[in-house]
Amino acid sequence: MHLEYTLTENDYIAFNKSHYARSRSMRSQFARSRVYMAGVFFFLPVLLAVTFSGFTYIWAGVAGGVITAVLIYLVYPKFYWKIIDRNLRKYLREGRSNAPWEMQAALSLEEDGMHFSIGPNISVSPYASVKDIVTGNGAVYIYVDSLQGAIIPAGVAGMDEFVSALKAKLPANP
């Protein structure tokens, strides 16, 4: 079984976002930062009310703080994922021109394991080393170990057959 496709910058970003969304530590970090930001934005109107009117209009500062904190809590996820997206694009483009980021990739199932090539680099992973196969947004992510994996973007012809054949060759059938 053999697949050939082109990986783009957006494929790598989608993979990283998917990984972040499933990661326990990233979910915990996101939840904490969301609450912290809401807390900070609660105290800003309170601080402004106390600074400019003493304690006369503190009730207005508290009301403004509650409204601001709720708005920040609701809007924060959009800004968080924008920051993640921007930082991933910056990281992927380091050392490259601003030309579109595309690489030719191929995956094949052989007797000795899964062969993965991206550009001129080729790696072979025994089937026993495949840790997980995750699908998300139409793409398939094959985790080999903590530092290696394969991305099959959405819309690649023969992807479902490839994943089925790979699962059949795995010793533990994840």
C-alpha atoms as a PDB file:
ATOM      1  CA  MET A   1       0.000   0.000   0.000  1.00  0.00           C
ATOM      2  CA  HIS A   2       1.410   3.381  -0.991  1.00  0.00           C
ATOM      3  CA  LEU A   3       0.267   7.019  -0.623  1.00  0.00           C
ATOM      4  CA  GLU A   4       1.813  10.135  -2.153  1.00  0.00           C
ATOM      5  CA  TYR A   5       0.689  13.639  -1.284  1.00  0.00           C
ATOM      6  CA  THR A   6       1.822  17.190  -0.580  1.00  0.00           C
ATOM      7  CA  LEU A   7       2.084  18.511   2.965  1.00  0.00           C
ATOM      8  CA  THR A   8       1.461  22.208   3.413  1.00  0.00           C
ATOM      9  CA  GLU A   9       2.059  24.614   6.240  1.00  0.00           C
ATOM     10  CA  ASN A  10      -1.655  24.457   7.054  1.00  0.00           C
ATOM     11  CA  ASP A  11      -1.444  20.662   7.459  1.00  0.00           C
ATOM     12  CA  TYR A  12       1.301  21.026  10.072  1.00  0.00           C
ATOM     13  CA  ILE A  13      -0.596  23.763  11.865  1.00  0.00           C
ATOM     14  CA  ALA A  14      -3.790  21.665  11.898  1.00  0.00           C
ATOM     15  CA  PHE A  15      -1.802  18.744  13.326  1.00  0.00           C
ATOM     16  CA  ASN A  16      -0.288  20.870  16.093  1.00  0.00           C
ATOM     17  CA  LYS A  17      -3.638  22.418  16.994  1.00  0.00           C
ATOM     18  CA  SER A  18      -5.191  18.955  17.103  1.00  0.00           C
ATOM     19  CA  HIS A  19      -2.367  17.728  19.311  1.00  0.00           C
ATOM     20  CA  TYR A  20      -2.695  20.741  21.633  1.00  0.00           C
ATOM     21  CA  ALA A  21      -6.454  20.236  21.902  1.00  0.00           C
ATOM     22  CA  ARG A  22      -5.957  16.587  22.970  1.00  0.00           C
ATOM     23  CA  SER A  23      -2.989  17.195  25.268  1.00  0.00           C
ATOM     24  CA  ARG A  24      -3.911  17.123  28.949  1.00  0.00           C
ATOM     25  CA  SER A  25      -1.232  19.654  29.895  1.00  0.00           C
ATOM     26  CA  MET A  26      -2.246  22.088  27.141  1.00  0.00           C
ATOM     27  CA  ARG A  27      -5.929  21.843  28.103  1.00  0.00           C
ATOM     28  CA  SER A  28      -4.968  22.532  31.717  1.00  0.00           C
ATOM     29  CA  GLN A  29      -2.786  25.484  30.715  1.00  0.00           C
ATOM     30  CA  PHE A  30      -5.583  26.889  28.552  1.00  0.00           C
ATOM     31  CA  ALA A  31      -8.165  26.582  31.345  1.00  0.00           C
ATOM     32  CA  ARG A  32      -5.862  28.280  33.872  1.00  0.00           C
ATOM     33  CA  SER A  33      -4.908  31.117  31.541  1.00  0.00           C
ATOM     34  CA  ARG A  34      -8.552  31.681  30.623  1.00  0.00           C
ATOM     35  CA  VAL A  35      -9.519  32.077  34.289  1.00  0.00           C
ATOM     36  CA  TYR A  36      -6.444  34.225  35.055  1.00  0.00           C
ATOM     37  CA  MET A  37      -7.203  36.587  32.176  1.00  0.00           C
ATOM     38  CA  ALA A  38     -10.832  36.933  33.293  1.00  0.00           C
ATOM     39  CA  GLY A  39      -9.580  37.665  36.827  1.00  0.00           C
ATOM     40  CA  VAL A  40      -7.169  40.336  35.630  1.00  0.00           C
ATOM     41  CA  PHE A  41      -9.851  41.993  33.542  1.00  0.00           C
ATOM     42  CA  PHE A  42     -12.254  41.899  36.510  1.00  0.00           C
ATOM     43  CA  PHE A  43      -9.880  43.915  38.665  1.00  0.00           C
ATOM     44  CA  LEU A  44      -9.005  46.563  36.049  1.00  0.00           C
ATOM     45  CA  PRO A  45     -12.401  48.390  36.157  1.00  0.00           C
ATOM     46  CA  VAL A  46     -12.480  48.026  39.957  1.00  0.00           C
ATOM     47  CA  LEU A  47      -8.999  49.547  40.193  1.00  0.00           C
ATOM     48  CA  LEU A  48      -9.966  52.398  37.849  1.00  0.00           C
ATOM     49  CA  ALA A  49     -13.135  53.138  39.851  1.00  0.00           C
ATOM     50  CA  VAL A  50     -11.247  53.210  43.153  1.00  0.00           C
ATOM     51  CA  THR A  51      -8.397  55.292  41.708  1.00  0.00           C
ATOM     52  CA  PHE A  52     -10.532  58.014  40.148  1.00  0.00           C
ATOM     53  CA  SER A  53     -13.511  58.182  42.515  1.00  0.00           C
ATOM     54  CA  GLY A  54     -12.315  56.656  45.740  1.00  0.00           C
ATOM     55  CA  PHE A  55     -14.780  54.154  47.105  1.00  0.00           C
ATOM     56  CA  THR A  56     -17.775  56.270  46.051  1.00  0.00           C
ATOM     57  CA  TYR A  57     -18.379  54.400  42.759  1.00  0.00           C
ATOM     58  CA  ILE A  58     -16.813  51.061  43.575  1.00  0.00           C
ATOM     59  CA  TRP A  59     -20.133  49.385  42.757  1.00  0.00           C
ATOM     60  CA  ALA A  60     -19.764  50.634  39.170  1.00  0.00           C
ATOM     61  CA  GLY A  61     -16.232  49.238  39.053  1.00  0.00           C
ATOM     62  CA  VAL A  62     -17.412  45.843  40.324  1.00  0.00           C
ATOM     63  CA  ALA A  63     -20.285  45.773  37.803  1.00  0.00           C
ATOM     64  CA  GLY A  64     -17.908  46.779  34.999  1.00  0.00           C
ATOM     65  CA  GLY A  65     -15.408  44.176  36.216  1.00  0.00           C
ATOM     66  CA  VAL A  66     -17.995  41.400  36.150  1.00  0.00           C
ATOM     67  CA  ILE A  67     -19.116  42.331  32.632  1.00  0.00           C
ATOM     68  CA  THR A  68     -15.525  42.623  31.396  1.00  0.00           C
ATOM     69  CA  ALA A  69     -14.500  39.327  33.018  1.00  0.00           C
ATOM     70  CA  VAL A  70     -17.409  37.460  31.432  1.00  0.00           C
ATOM     71  CA  LEU A  71     -16.653  38.955  28.008  1.00  0.00           C
ATOM     72  CA  ILE A  72     -12.952  38.065  28.275  1.00  0.00           C
ATOM     73  CA  TYR A  73     -13.826  34.530  29.426  1.00  0.00           C
ATOM     74  CA  LEU A  74     -16.072  34.069  26.367  1.00  0.00           C
ATOM     75  CA  VAL A  75     -13.763  35.717  23.804  1.00  0.00           C
ATOM     76  CA  TYR A  76     -10.428  34.385  25.109  1.00  0.00           C
ATOM     77  CA  PRO A  77     -10.464  31.034  23.194  1.00  0.00           C
ATOM     78  CA  LYS A  78     -10.554  32.835  19.848  1.00  0.00           C
ATOM     79  CA  PHE A  79      -7.502  34.929  20.748  1.00  0.00           C
ATOM     80  CA  TYR A  80      -5.692  31.950  22.277  1.00  0.00           C
ATOM     81  CA  TRP A  81      -5.959  29.874  19.086  1.00  0.00           C
ATOM     82  CA  LYS A  82      -4.964  32.894  16.971  1.00  0.00           C
ATOM     83  CA  ILE A  83      -1.787  33.245  19.044  1.00  0.00           C
ATOM     84  CA  ILE A  84      -1.077  29.508  18.720  1.00  0.00           C
ATOM     85  CA  ASP A  85      -1.607  29.745  14.942  1.00  0.00           C
ATOM     86  CA  ARG A  86       0.646  32.803  14.608  1.00  0.00           C
ATOM     87  CA  ASN A  87       3.433  31.248  16.673  1.00  0.00           C
ATOM     88  CA  LEU A  88       3.288  27.966  14.740  1.00  0.00           C
ATOM     89  CA  ARG A  89       3.493  29.807  11.404  1.00  0.00           C
ATOM     90  CA  LYS A  90       6.436  31.837  12.697  1.00  0.00           C
ATOM     91  CA  TYR A  91       8.196  28.672  13.889  1.00  0.00           C
ATOM     92  CA  LEU A  92       7.640  26.827  10.596  1.00  0.00           C
ATOM     93  CA  ARG A  93       8.886  29.777   8.539  1.00  0.00           C
ATOM     94  CA  GLU A  94      12.106  30.308  10.479  1.00  0.00           C
ATOM     95  CA  GLY A  95      15.017  29.994   8.092  1.00  0.00           C
ATOM     96  CA  ARG A  96      12.714  29.939   5.040  1.00  0.00           C
ATOM     97  CA  SER A  97      11.611  32.596   2.623  1.00  0.00           C
ATOM     98  CA  ASN A  98       7.999  33.705   2.597  1.00  0.00           C
ATOM     99  CA  ALA A  99       7.329  31.337  -0.306  1.00  0.00           C
ATOM    100  CA  PRO A 100       4.539  28.791   0.224  1.00  0.00           C
ATOM    101  CA  TRP A 101       5.642  25.983   2.532  1.00  0.00           C
ATOM    102  CA  GLU A 102       5.061  22.674   0.761  1.00  0.00           C
ATOM    103  CA  MET A 103       6.803  19.304   0.915  1.00  0.00           C
ATOM    104  CA  GLN A 104       6.259  16.108  -1.070  1.00  0.00           C
ATOM    105  CA  ALA A 105       5.527  13.166   1.221  1.00  0.00           C
ATOM    106  CA  ALA A 106       4.992   9.450   0.738  1.00  0.00           C
ATOM    107  CA  LEU A 107       3.857   6.675   3.050  1.00  0.00           C
ATOM    108  CA  SER A 108       4.067   2.998   2.271  1.00  0.00           C
ATOM    109  CA  LEU A 109       3.472  -0.241   4.117  1.00  0.00           C
ATOM    110  CA  GLU A 110       6.303  -2.716   3.592  1.00  0.00           C
ATOM    111  CA  GLU A 111       7.365  -5.990   5.203  1.00  0.00           C
ATOM    112  CA  ASP A 112       9.821  -4.292   7.601  1.00  0.00           C
ATOM    113  CA  GLY A 113       7.442  -1.519   8.678  1.00  0.00           C
ATOM    114  CA  MET A 114       5.924   1.779   7.635  1.00  0.00           C
ATOM    115  CA  HIS A 115       8.160   3.821   5.322  1.00  0.00           C
ATOM    116  CA  PHE A 116       7.697   7.570   5.521  1.00  0.00           C
ATOM    117  CA  SER A 117       9.486  10.039   3.315  1.00  0.00           C
ATOM    118  CA  ILE A 118       9.215  13.792   3.361  1.00  0.00           C
ATOM    119  CA  GLY A 119      11.350  15.536   0.814  1.00  0.00           C
ATOM    120  CA  PRO A 120      14.711  13.750   0.665  1.00  0.00           C
ATOM    121  CA  ASN A 121      14.399  12.256   4.180  1.00  0.00           C
ATOM    122  CA  ILE A 122      13.212   8.673   4.580  1.00  0.00           C
ATOM    123  CA  SER A 123      12.446   6.868   7.828  1.00  0.00           C
ATOM    124  CA  VAL A 124      11.304   3.346   8.562  1.00  0.00           C
ATOM    125  CA  SER A 125       9.189   2.595  11.621  1.00  0.00           C
ATOM    126  CA  PRO A 126       8.396  -0.964  12.655  1.00  0.00           C
ATOM    127  CA  TYR A 127       4.680  -1.582  13.072  1.00  0.00           C
ATOM    128  CA  ALA A 128       5.168  -2.257  16.783  1.00  0.00           C
ATOM    129  CA  SER A 129       6.399   1.331  17.254  1.00  0.00           C
ATOM    130  CA  VAL A 130       3.100   2.903  16.104  1.00  0.00           C
ATOM    131  CA  LYS A 131       1.561   4.325  19.283  1.00  0.00           C
ATOM    132  CA  ASP A 132      -1.695   5.849  18.085  1.00  0.00           C
ATOM    133  CA  ILE A 133      -3.754   6.667  15.008  1.00  0.00           C
ATOM    134  CA  VAL A 134      -5.902   9.789  15.398  1.00  0.00           C
ATOM    135  CA  THR A 135      -8.396  11.283  12.970  1.00  0.00           C
ATOM    136  CA  GLY A 136      -9.445  14.898  13.115  1.00  0.00           C
ATOM    137  CA  ASN A 137     -10.980  17.324  10.610  1.00  0.00           C
ATOM    138  CA  GLY A 138     -10.681  14.688   7.883  1.00  0.00           C
ATOM    139  CA  ALA A 139      -6.936  14.250   8.393  1.00  0.00           C
ATOM    140  CA  VAL A 140      -5.156  11.250   9.926  1.00  0.00           C
ATOM    141  CA  TYR A 141      -2.250  11.570  12.346  1.00  0.00           C
ATOM    142  CA  ILE A 142      -0.087   8.501  12.963  1.00  0.00           C
ATOM    143  CA  TYR A 143       1.988   8.794  16.148  1.00  0.00           C
ATOM    144  CA  VAL A 144       5.118   6.650  16.068  1.00  0.00           C
ATOM    145  CA  ASP A 145       6.810   7.973  19.197  1.00  0.00           C
ATOM    146  CA  SER A 146       6.959  11.257  21.088  1.00  0.00           C
ATOM    147  CA  LEU A 147       9.082  12.947  18.415  1.00  0.00           C
ATOM    148  CA  GLN A 148       7.950  11.253  15.217  1.00  0.00           C
ATOM    149  CA  GLY A 149       4.708  10.852  13.380  1.00  0.00           C
ATOM    150  CA  ALA A 150       3.034  11.048  10.014  1.00  0.00           C
ATOM    151  CA  ILE A 151       0.357  13.411   8.781  1.00  0.00           C
ATOM    152  CA  ILE A 152      -2.082  12.362   6.071  1.00  0.00           C
ATOM    153  CA  PRO A 153      -4.044  15.496   5.114  1.00  0.00           C
ATOM    154  CA  ALA A 154      -7.750  15.479   4.382  1.00  0.00           C
ATOM    155  CA  GLY A 155      -8.723  14.517   0.855  1.00  0.00           C
ATOM    156  CA  VAL A 156      -5.805  12.198   0.021  1.00  0.00           C
ATOM    157  CA  ALA A 157      -7.041   9.437  -2.266  1.00  0.00           C
ATOM    158  CA  GLY A 158      -6.794   5.985  -0.683  1.00  0.00           C
ATOM    159  CA  MET A 159      -6.382   7.281   2.877  1.00  0.00           C
ATOM    160  CA  ASP A 160      -9.116   5.093   4.394  1.00  0.00           C
ATOM    161  CA  GLU A 161      -7.754   1.921   2.779  1.00  0.00           C
ATOM    162  CA  PHE A 162      -4.240   2.813   3.934  1.00  0.00           C
ATOM    163  CA  VAL A 163      -5.351   3.311   7.548  1.00  0.00           C
ATOM    164  CA  SER A 164      -7.299   0.034   7.489  1.00  0.00           C
ATOM    165  CA  ALA A 165      -4.283  -1.835   6.103  1.00  0.00           C
ATOM    166  CA  LEU A 166      -2.007  -0.212   8.708  1.00  0.00           C
ATOM    167  CA  LYS A 167      -4.349  -1.137  11.565  1.00  0.00           C
ATOM    168  CA  ALA A 168      -4.404  -4.728  10.310  1.00  0.00           C
ATOM    169  CA  LYS A 169      -0.586  -4.891  10.471  1.00  0.00           C
ATOM    170  CA  LEU A 170      -0.319  -3.478  14.000  1.00  0.00           C
ATOM    171  CA  PRO A 171       0.302  -6.027  16.741  1.00  0.00           C
ATOM    172  CA  ALA A 172      -1.977  -4.348  19.317  1.00  0.00           C
ATOM    173  CA  ASN A 173      -4.559  -2.837  16.898  1.00  0.00           C
ATOM    174  CA  PRO A 174      -4.941   0.598  18.584  1.00  0.00           C
END
